[in-house]
Amino acid sequence: QVQLVESGGGLVQPGGSLRLSCVASGRAFSSETILWFRQAPGKEREFVASISGGGSDVAYADYVKGRFTISRDNAKNTVVLQMDYLKPDDTAVYYCNNRAHPEYWGQGTRVTVTS
């Protein structure tokens, strides 16, 4: 069974920053692509960013490109989403997901951007 634990969410003003972490279980973590998704109230879950197992390939949704940065530390089975220049539209619950095991989801971490 794959376990994913997200943390780091909170309340922040527009223009502020937050650093989300995803700690994942599994011995194959370093070879697996990890993705971040988010789900805003009343909306579908949407893709935010992804990073390959070695960290060399990253991808971002257009609406976060240039503001969010994804990285990973395979020694700690951790993927980090650095979120800068946050906007109210970034308000959502953020989830990480393992592409090799897409059926597993963590509890998410809530991000609220408001003045």
N, C-alpha and C. Protein backbone atom coordinates (compact mmCIF):
# COMPACT_ATOMS: atom_id res chain seq x y z
N GLN A 1 0.84 -1.19 0.00
CA GLN A 1 0.00 0.00 0.00
C GLN A 1 0.88 1.24 0.00
N VAL A 2 0.47 2.23 -0.79
CA VAL A 2 1.20 3.48 -0.88
C VAL A 2 0.57 4.49 0.05
N GLN A 3 1.42 5.16 0.82
CA GLN A 3 0.93 6.22 1.70
C GLN A 3 1.52 7.56 1.28
N LEU A 4 0.67 8.56 1.27
CA LEU A 4 1.08 9.91 0.90
C LEU A 4 0.59 10.86 1.99
N VAL A 5 1.50 11.67 2.50
CA VAL A 5 1.13 12.61 3.56
C VAL A 5 1.56 14.01 3.15
N GLU A 6 0.56 14.87 2.95
CA GLU A 6 0.82 16.25 2.58
C GLU A 6 0.80 17.15 3.81
N SER A 7 1.59 18.19 3.78
CA SER A 7 1.62 19.15 4.88
C SER A 7 2.10 20.50 4.37
N GLY A 8 1.96 21.52 5.20
CA GLY A 8 2.49 22.83 4.87
C GLY A 8 1.48 23.88 4.48
N GLY A 9 0.22 23.47 4.35
CA GLY A 9 -0.80 24.43 3.98
C GLY A 9 -1.06 25.45 5.08
N GLY A 10 -1.88 26.43 4.75
CA GLY A 10 -2.21 27.44 5.73
C GLY A 10 -2.90 28.63 5.10
N LEU A 11 -2.98 29.69 5.88
CA LEU A 11 -3.62 30.93 5.45
C LEU A 11 -2.53 31.94 5.12
N VAL A 12 -2.64 32.55 3.96
CA VAL A 12 -1.62 33.49 3.52
C VAL A 12 -2.27 34.61 2.73
N GLN A 13 -1.66 35.76 2.75
CA GLN A 13 -2.17 36.90 1.99
C GLN A 13 -1.73 36.81 0.54
N PRO A 14 -2.47 37.43 -0.36
CA PRO A 14 -2.04 37.47 -1.77
C PRO A 14 -0.62 38.02 -1.89
N GLY A 15 0.16 37.36 -2.75
CA GLY A 15 1.56 37.73 -2.91
C GLY A 15 2.48 36.98 -1.99
N GLY A 16 1.93 36.25 -1.04
CA GLY A 16 2.74 35.51 -0.09
C GLY A 16 3.21 34.17 -0.63
N SER A 17 3.86 33.41 0.25
CA SER A 17 4.46 32.13 -0.14
C SER A 17 4.09 31.04 0.86
N LEU A 18 4.06 29.82 0.36
CA LEU A 18 3.92 28.64 1.20
C LEU A 18 4.76 27.54 0.60
N ARG A 19 5.18 26.62 1.46
CA ARG A 19 5.99 25.48 1.03
C ARG A 19 5.27 24.21 1.45
N LEU A 20 4.79 23.47 0.47
CA LEU A 20 4.08 22.22 0.74
C LEU A 20 5.04 21.05 0.64
N SER A 21 4.81 20.06 1.47
CA SER A 21 5.62 18.84 1.43
C SER A 21 4.72 17.63 1.25
N CYS A 22 5.25 16.65 0.54
CA CYS A 22 4.58 15.37 0.35
C CYS A 22 5.58 14.29 0.70
N VAL A 23 5.27 13.55 1.74
CA VAL A 23 6.12 12.41 2.12
C VAL A 23 5.42 11.14 1.66
N ALA A 24 6.12 10.34 0.89
CA ALA A 24 5.52 9.15 0.29
C ALA A 24 6.24 7.89 0.76
N SER A 25 5.49 6.82 0.90
CA SER A 25 6.09 5.53 1.24
C SER A 25 6.49 4.80 -0.03
N GLY A 26 7.26 3.76 0.12
CA GLY A 26 7.60 2.94 -1.03
C GLY A 26 9.08 2.92 -1.33
N ARG A 27 9.60 1.71 -1.57
CA ARG A 27 11.04 1.56 -1.84
C ARG A 27 11.41 2.03 -3.23
N ALA A 28 10.42 2.13 -4.12
CA ALA A 28 10.69 2.55 -5.49
C ALA A 28 10.50 4.05 -5.69
N PHE A 29 10.37 4.78 -4.61
CA PHE A 29 10.03 6.21 -4.69
C PHE A 29 10.95 6.96 -5.65
N SER A 30 12.23 6.70 -5.60
CA SER A 30 13.19 7.47 -6.38
C SER A 30 13.07 7.25 -7.88
N SER A 31 12.29 6.28 -8.30
CA SER A 31 12.09 6.04 -9.72
C SER A 31 10.69 6.42 -10.19
N GLU A 32 9.91 7.00 -9.31
CA GLU A 32 8.50 7.26 -9.60
C GLU A 32 8.19 8.75 -9.74
N THR A 33 7.38 9.06 -10.73
CA THR A 33 6.92 10.43 -10.93
C THR A 33 5.86 10.77 -9.89
N ILE A 34 6.04 11.93 -9.27
CA ILE A 34 5.08 12.42 -8.28
C ILE A 34 4.42 13.69 -8.83
N LEU A 35 3.14 13.79 -8.60
CA LEU A 35 2.36 14.92 -9.10
C LEU A 35 1.67 15.64 -7.95
N TRP A 36 1.45 16.92 -8.12
CA TRP A 36 0.60 17.70 -7.23
C TRP A 36 -0.68 18.06 -7.99
N PHE A 37 -1.78 17.92 -7.30
CA PHE A 37 -3.08 18.34 -7.80
C PHE A 37 -3.69 19.29 -6.77
N ARG A 38 -4.74 19.96 -7.17
CA ARG A 38 -5.49 20.78 -6.21
C ARG A 38 -6.97 20.73 -6.56
N GLN A 39 -7.76 20.96 -5.53
CA GLN A 39 -9.19 20.99 -5.73
C GLN A 39 -9.77 22.15 -4.95
N ALA A 40 -10.32 23.10 -5.67
CA ALA A 40 -10.95 24.26 -5.06
C ALA A 40 -12.41 23.92 -4.76
N PRO A 41 -13.02 24.63 -3.83
CA PRO A 41 -14.42 24.35 -3.49
C PRO A 41 -15.33 24.41 -4.71
N GLY A 42 -16.09 23.36 -4.92
CA GLY A 42 -17.04 23.32 -6.01
C GLY A 42 -16.43 23.08 -7.38
N LYS A 43 -15.15 22.75 -7.43
CA LYS A 43 -14.49 22.55 -8.72
C LYS A 43 -13.86 21.16 -8.80
N GLU A 44 -13.53 20.78 -10.02
CA GLU A 44 -12.86 19.50 -10.25
C GLU A 44 -11.41 19.58 -9.76
N ARG A 45 -10.87 18.40 -9.42
CA ARG A 45 -9.46 18.34 -9.08
C ARG A 45 -8.65 18.63 -10.35
N GLU A 46 -7.59 19.43 -10.23
CA GLU A 46 -6.81 19.80 -11.40
C GLU A 46 -5.31 19.62 -11.15
N PHE A 47 -4.61 19.37 -12.23
CA PHE A 47 -3.17 19.18 -12.18
C PHE A 47 -2.46 20.49 -11.86
N VAL A 48 -1.40 20.39 -11.06
CA VAL A 48 -0.60 21.57 -10.72
C VAL A 48 0.83 21.42 -11.24
N ALA A 49 1.49 20.33 -10.87
CA ALA A 49 2.89 20.15 -11.25
C ALA A 49 3.28 18.69 -11.10
N SER A 50 4.37 18.31 -11.78
CA SER A 50 4.87 16.95 -11.66
C SER A 50 6.40 16.96 -11.73
N ILE A 51 6.98 15.90 -11.20
CA ILE A 51 8.44 15.76 -11.22
C ILE A 51 8.78 14.29 -11.40
N SER A 52 9.73 14.02 -12.28
CA SER A 52 10.14 12.64 -12.54
C SER A 52 10.95 12.10 -11.37
N GLY A 53 11.19 10.79 -11.41
CA GLY A 53 11.87 10.14 -10.29
C GLY A 53 13.23 10.73 -9.96
N GLY A 54 13.99 11.03 -11.00
CA GLY A 54 15.32 11.61 -10.80
C GLY A 54 15.30 13.11 -10.61
N GLY A 55 14.17 13.70 -10.87
CA GLY A 55 14.03 15.15 -10.68
C GLY A 55 14.39 15.98 -11.89
N SER A 56 14.78 15.35 -12.98
CA SER A 56 15.25 16.13 -14.13
C SER A 56 14.10 16.65 -14.99
N ASP A 57 12.98 15.98 -14.95
CA ASP A 57 11.83 16.40 -15.76
C ASP A 57 10.73 16.93 -14.87
N VAL A 58 10.39 18.17 -15.09
CA VAL A 58 9.30 18.79 -14.33
C VAL A 58 8.31 19.39 -15.31
N ALA A 59 7.09 19.51 -14.85
CA ALA A 59 6.04 20.10 -15.66
C ALA A 59 5.11 20.90 -14.76
N TYR A 60 4.53 21.97 -15.31
CA TYR A 60 3.64 22.84 -14.54
C TYR A 60 2.41 23.18 -15.36
N ALA A 61 1.31 23.32 -14.68
CA ALA A 61 0.12 23.88 -15.32
C ALA A 61 0.39 25.34 -15.63
N ASP A 62 -0.22 25.82 -16.69
CA ASP A 62 0.02 27.21 -17.12
C ASP A 62 -0.31 28.22 -16.01
N TYR A 63 -1.32 27.91 -15.20
CA TYR A 63 -1.77 28.90 -14.23
C TYR A 63 -0.85 28.99 -13.01
N VAL A 64 0.18 28.13 -12.91
CA VAL A 64 1.14 28.25 -11.81
C VAL A 64 2.56 28.44 -12.31
N LYS A 65 2.74 28.33 -13.61
CA LYS A 65 4.09 28.42 -14.19
C LYS A 65 4.72 29.77 -13.84
N GLY A 66 5.95 29.73 -13.41
CA GLY A 66 6.65 30.95 -13.03
C GLY A 66 6.44 31.36 -11.59
N ARG A 67 5.49 30.73 -10.91
CA ARG A 67 5.21 31.07 -9.51
C ARG A 67 5.48 29.89 -8.58
N PHE A 68 5.27 28.68 -9.05
CA PHE A 68 5.45 27.47 -8.24
C PHE A 68 6.68 26.72 -8.73
N THR A 69 7.36 26.07 -7.79
CA THR A 69 8.53 25.26 -8.11
C THR A 69 8.42 23.91 -7.41
N ILE A 70 8.56 22.84 -8.17
CA ILE A 70 8.51 21.50 -7.60
C ILE A 70 9.92 20.93 -7.52
N SER A 71 10.19 20.23 -6.44
CA SER A 71 11.51 19.60 -6.26
C SER A 71 11.34 18.35 -5.41
N ARG A 72 12.40 17.57 -5.30
CA ARG A 72 12.30 16.35 -4.50
C ARG A 72 13.61 16.02 -3.84
N ASP A 73 13.49 15.31 -2.72
CA ASP A 73 14.65 14.78 -2.00
C ASP A 73 14.40 13.30 -1.82
N ASN A 74 14.99 12.49 -2.69
CA ASN A 74 14.71 11.06 -2.66
C ASN A 74 15.24 10.38 -1.40
N ALA A 75 16.25 10.96 -0.79
CA ALA A 75 16.77 10.38 0.46
C ALA A 75 15.73 10.47 1.57
N LYS A 76 14.81 11.43 1.44
CA LYS A 76 13.77 11.62 2.45
C LYS A 76 12.39 11.24 1.94
N ASN A 77 12.32 10.65 0.74
CA ASN A 77 11.02 10.30 0.14
C ASN A 77 10.06 11.50 0.16
N THR A 78 10.58 12.65 -0.19
CA THR A 78 9.80 13.89 -0.07
C THR A 78 9.80 14.66 -1.38
N VAL A 79 8.65 15.19 -1.71
CA VAL A 79 8.50 16.13 -2.82
C VAL A 79 7.97 17.44 -2.25
N VAL A 80 8.56 18.52 -2.67
CA VAL A 80 8.21 19.85 -2.16
C VAL A 80 7.61 20.69 -3.28
N LEU A 81 6.58 21.43 -2.95
CA LEU A 81 5.99 22.40 -3.87
C LEU A 81 6.14 23.78 -3.23
N GLN A 82 7.06 24.56 -3.75
CA GLN A 82 7.27 25.93 -3.30
C GLN A 82 6.33 26.83 -4.07
N MET A 83 5.48 27.54 -3.34
CA MET A 83 4.46 28.37 -3.98
C MET A 83 4.71 29.82 -3.61
N ASP A 84 5.02 30.62 -4.62
CA ASP A 84 5.29 32.04 -4.42
C ASP A 84 4.26 32.87 -5.19
N TYR A 85 4.17 34.14 -4.84
CA TYR A 85 3.23 35.06 -5.50
C TYR A 85 1.83 34.46 -5.54
N LEU A 86 1.40 33.98 -4.41
CA LEU A 86 0.10 33.32 -4.35
C LEU A 86 -1.04 34.28 -4.64
N LYS A 87 -2.08 33.74 -5.26
CA LYS A 87 -3.27 34.50 -5.62
C LYS A 87 -4.48 33.88 -4.94
N PRO A 88 -5.55 34.63 -4.80
CA PRO A 88 -6.77 34.04 -4.23
C PRO A 88 -7.24 32.81 -5.00
N ASP A 89 -7.01 32.78 -6.32
CA ASP A 89 -7.42 31.63 -7.13
C ASP A 89 -6.63 30.37 -6.81
N ASP A 90 -5.55 30.50 -6.06
CA ASP A 90 -4.78 29.32 -5.65
C ASP A 90 -5.39 28.63 -4.43
N THR A 91 -6.41 29.23 -3.87
CA THR A 91 -7.08 28.62 -2.72
C THR A 91 -7.66 27.27 -3.10
N ALA A 92 -7.26 26.23 -2.37
CA ALA A 92 -7.69 24.87 -2.69
C ALA A 92 -7.09 23.91 -1.66
N VAL A 93 -7.53 22.68 -1.73
CA VAL A 93 -6.85 21.60 -1.02
C VAL A 93 -5.86 20.98 -2.00
N TYR A 94 -4.62 20.86 -1.58
CA TYR A 94 -3.56 20.36 -2.44
C TYR A 94 -3.23 18.91 -2.07
N TYR A 95 -3.11 18.09 -3.10
CA TYR A 95 -2.85 16.67 -2.93
C TYR A 95 -1.64 16.26 -3.76
N CYS A 96 -0.88 15.30 -3.26
CA CYS A 96 0.14 14.70 -4.10
C CYS A 96 -0.31 13.30 -4.51
N ASN A 97 0.29 12.82 -5.56
CA ASN A 97 -0.13 11.54 -6.15
C ASN A 97 1.07 10.90 -6.82
N ASN A 98 1.10 9.59 -6.77
CA ASN A 98 2.17 8.81 -7.39
C ASN A 98 1.67 8.26 -8.71
N ARG A 99 2.30 8.61 -9.80
CA ARG A 99 1.82 8.18 -11.11
C ARG A 99 1.78 6.67 -11.24
N ALA A 100 2.68 5.99 -10.54
CA ALA A 100 2.70 4.52 -10.62
C ALA A 100 1.56 3.90 -9.83
N HIS A 101 0.97 4.67 -8.91
CA HIS A 101 -0.12 4.17 -8.07
C HIS A 101 -1.19 5.24 -7.95
N PRO A 102 -1.85 5.57 -9.04
CA PRO A 102 -2.76 6.72 -9.05
C PRO A 102 -4.00 6.56 -8.19
N GLU A 103 -4.28 5.36 -7.75
CA GLU A 103 -5.48 5.15 -6.95
C GLU A 103 -5.34 5.62 -5.51
N TYR A 104 -4.11 5.91 -5.09
CA TYR A 104 -3.88 6.31 -3.70
C TYR A 104 -3.75 7.83 -3.60
N TRP A 105 -4.44 8.37 -2.60
CA TRP A 105 -4.41 9.81 -2.34
C TRP A 105 -4.22 10.02 -0.84
N GLY A 106 -3.54 11.12 -0.52
CA GLY A 106 -3.43 11.51 0.87
C GLY A 106 -4.64 12.31 1.30
N GLN A 107 -4.55 12.88 2.49
CA GLN A 107 -5.68 13.66 3.02
C GLN A 107 -5.67 15.08 2.49
N GLY A 108 -4.58 15.47 1.87
CA GLY A 108 -4.47 16.82 1.33
C GLY A 108 -4.08 17.83 2.38
N THR A 109 -3.69 19.01 1.91
CA THR A 109 -3.37 20.12 2.82
C THR A 109 -4.03 21.37 2.26
N ARG A 110 -4.69 22.11 3.13
CA ARG A 110 -5.53 23.23 2.69
C ARG A 110 -4.71 24.51 2.60
N VAL A 111 -4.86 25.18 1.46
CA VAL A 111 -4.22 26.48 1.23
C VAL A 111 -5.32 27.51 1.03
N THR A 112 -5.26 28.57 1.81
CA THR A 112 -6.23 29.66 1.68
C THR A 112 -5.47 30.95 1.47
N VAL A 113 -5.77 31.60 0.35
CA VAL A 113 -5.12 32.87 0.02
C VAL A 113 -6.17 33.96 0.07
N THR A 114 -6.05 34.83 1.04
CA THR A 114 -7.05 35.88 1.22
C THR A 114 -6.44 37.06 1.96
N SER A 115 -6.97 38.22 1.66
CA SER A 115 -6.53 39.42 2.37
C SER A 115 -7.43 39.69 3.58
